[in-house]
Amino acid sequence: MKQNTLYLVIGALAAALIALGLYVYREQSKPSGVELRIDESGIRIQEN
């Protein structure tokens, strides 16, 4: 039972590390400048 818990903890840490890496990659790959979105809720202008 103790070995299963260890695998669970290692798996959770690996998943968290992958999620953090994806988040950082998406934040750094955003274009700089002004972002203009037009959708059903209207027009949004956001400065990056």
N, C-alpha and C. Protein backbone atom coordinates (compact mmCIF):
# COMPACT_ATOMS: atom_id res chain seq x y z
N MET A 1 0.82 -1.19 0.00
CA MET A 1 0.00 0.00 0.00
C MET A 1 0.87 1.26 0.00
N LYS A 2 1.99 1.21 0.70
CA LYS A 2 2.85 2.38 0.80
C LYS A 2 3.47 2.70 -0.56
N GLN A 3 3.77 1.69 -1.35
CA GLN A 3 4.37 1.92 -2.67
C GLN A 3 3.35 2.57 -3.61
N ASN A 4 2.08 2.20 -3.50
CA ASN A 4 1.04 2.83 -4.32
C ASN A 4 0.91 4.30 -3.99
N THR A 5 1.01 4.65 -2.73
CA THR A 5 0.94 6.05 -2.32
C THR A 5 2.10 6.84 -2.90
N LEU A 6 3.27 6.24 -2.89
CA LEU A 6 4.46 6.89 -3.45
C LEU A 6 4.26 7.15 -4.95
N TYR A 7 3.73 6.18 -5.66
CA TYR A 7 3.46 6.36 -7.10
C TYR A 7 2.43 7.46 -7.32
N LEU A 8 1.42 7.53 -6.46
CA LEU A 8 0.39 8.56 -6.57
C LEU A 8 0.99 9.95 -6.36
N VAL A 9 1.85 10.09 -5.37
CA VAL A 9 2.49 11.38 -5.10
C VAL A 9 3.40 11.77 -6.26
N ILE A 10 4.18 10.85 -6.77
CA ILE A 10 5.07 11.14 -7.90
C ILE A 10 4.25 11.51 -9.13
N GLY A 11 3.16 10.81 -9.38
CA GLY A 11 2.30 11.14 -10.52
C GLY A 11 1.66 12.51 -10.38
N ALA A 12 1.23 12.86 -9.17
CA ALA A 12 0.63 14.18 -8.95
C ALA A 12 1.66 15.28 -9.15
N LEU A 13 2.87 15.07 -8.67
CA LEU A 13 3.94 16.07 -8.86
C LEU A 13 4.30 16.22 -10.34
N ALA A 14 4.34 15.11 -11.06
CA ALA A 14 4.64 15.17 -12.49
C ALA A 14 3.53 15.92 -13.24
N ALA A 15 2.29 15.67 -12.89
CA ALA A 15 1.17 16.36 -13.54
C ALA A 15 1.22 17.85 -13.23
N ALA A 16 1.53 18.21 -12.00
CA ALA A 16 1.63 19.62 -11.63
C ALA A 16 2.78 20.30 -12.37
N LEU A 17 3.88 19.61 -12.52
CA LEU A 17 5.03 20.17 -13.25
C LEU A 17 4.69 20.39 -14.73
N ILE A 18 4.00 19.45 -15.33
CA ILE A 18 3.60 19.59 -16.73
C ILE A 18 2.61 20.76 -16.88
N ALA A 19 1.65 20.87 -15.98
CA ALA A 19 0.68 21.97 -16.04
C ALA A 19 1.37 23.31 -15.87
N LEU A 20 2.32 23.40 -14.96
CA LEU A 20 3.06 24.65 -14.75
C LEU A 20 3.88 25.00 -15.99
N GLY A 21 4.50 24.01 -16.60
CA GLY A 21 5.27 24.25 -17.82
C GLY A 21 4.39 24.76 -18.95
N LEU A 22 3.22 24.19 -19.12
CA LEU A 22 2.29 24.64 -20.16
C LEU A 22 1.82 26.06 -19.89
N TYR A 23 1.55 26.38 -18.63
CA TYR A 23 1.11 27.73 -18.27
C TYR A 23 2.20 28.75 -18.58
N VAL A 24 3.44 28.47 -18.20
CA VAL A 24 4.55 29.39 -18.46
C VAL A 24 4.76 29.54 -19.95
N TYR A 25 4.69 28.46 -20.71
CA TYR A 25 4.87 28.52 -22.16
C TYR A 25 3.81 29.41 -22.79
N ARG A 26 2.55 29.24 -22.38
CA ARG A 26 1.47 30.06 -22.96
C ARG A 26 1.62 31.52 -22.60
N GLU A 27 2.04 31.81 -21.37
CA GLU A 27 2.23 33.20 -20.96
C GLU A 27 3.37 33.86 -21.73
N GLN A 28 4.43 33.14 -21.99
CA GLN A 28 5.58 33.72 -22.69
C GLN A 28 5.36 33.80 -24.18
N SER A 29 4.47 33.00 -24.73
CA SER A 29 4.25 33.01 -26.17
C SER A 29 3.16 33.98 -26.59
N LYS A 30 2.56 34.70 -25.62
CA LYS A 30 1.56 35.69 -25.97
C LYS A 30 2.22 36.85 -26.70
N PRO A 31 1.59 37.36 -27.73
CA PRO A 31 2.17 38.51 -28.43
C PRO A 31 2.08 39.76 -27.56
N SER A 32 3.10 40.60 -27.67
CA SER A 32 3.07 41.84 -26.91
C SER A 32 2.32 42.91 -27.70
N GLY A 33 1.76 43.87 -27.02
CA GLY A 33 1.02 44.94 -27.69
C GLY A 33 -0.42 44.96 -27.25
N VAL A 34 -1.30 45.25 -28.20
CA VAL A 34 -2.72 45.37 -27.91
C VAL A 34 -3.46 44.20 -28.53
N GLU A 35 -4.37 43.63 -27.75
CA GLU A 35 -5.17 42.51 -28.23
C GLU A 35 -6.61 42.98 -28.41
N LEU A 36 -7.18 42.72 -29.57
CA LEU A 36 -8.55 43.12 -29.87
C LEU A 36 -9.38 41.86 -30.08
N ARG A 37 -10.43 41.71 -29.28
CA ARG A 37 -11.31 40.54 -29.41
C ARG A 37 -12.71 41.01 -29.75
N ILE A 38 -13.31 40.37 -30.73
CA ILE A 38 -14.70 40.64 -31.09
C ILE A 38 -15.44 39.31 -31.02
N ASP A 39 -16.41 39.22 -30.13
CA ASP A 39 -17.19 37.99 -29.99
C ASP A 39 -18.63 38.32 -29.63
N GLU A 40 -19.38 37.34 -29.17
CA GLU A 40 -20.79 37.52 -28.88
C GLU A 40 -21.04 38.55 -27.79
N SER A 41 -20.09 38.68 -26.86
CA SER A 41 -20.29 39.59 -25.74
C SER A 41 -19.85 41.02 -26.06
N GLY A 42 -19.32 41.26 -27.25
CA GLY A 42 -18.94 42.61 -27.64
C GLY A 42 -17.49 42.71 -28.06
N ILE A 43 -16.95 43.90 -27.96
CA ILE A 43 -15.57 44.18 -28.34
C ILE A 43 -14.75 44.41 -27.09
N ARG A 44 -13.59 43.75 -27.02
CA ARG A 44 -12.69 43.94 -25.90
C ARG A 44 -11.32 44.34 -26.42
N ILE A 45 -10.75 45.35 -25.80
CA ILE A 45 -9.38 45.78 -26.13
C ILE A 45 -8.57 45.59 -24.86
N GLN A 46 -7.47 44.84 -24.98
CA GLN A 46 -6.65 44.53 -23.82
C GLN A 46 -5.19 44.77 -24.16
N GLU A 47 -4.50 45.50 -23.28
CA GLU A 47 -3.07 45.75 -23.47
C GLU A 47 -2.28 44.63 -22.81
N ASN A 48 -1.34 44.06 -23.54
CA ASN A 48 -0.53 42.96 -22.99
C ASN A 48 0.72 43.48 -22.36
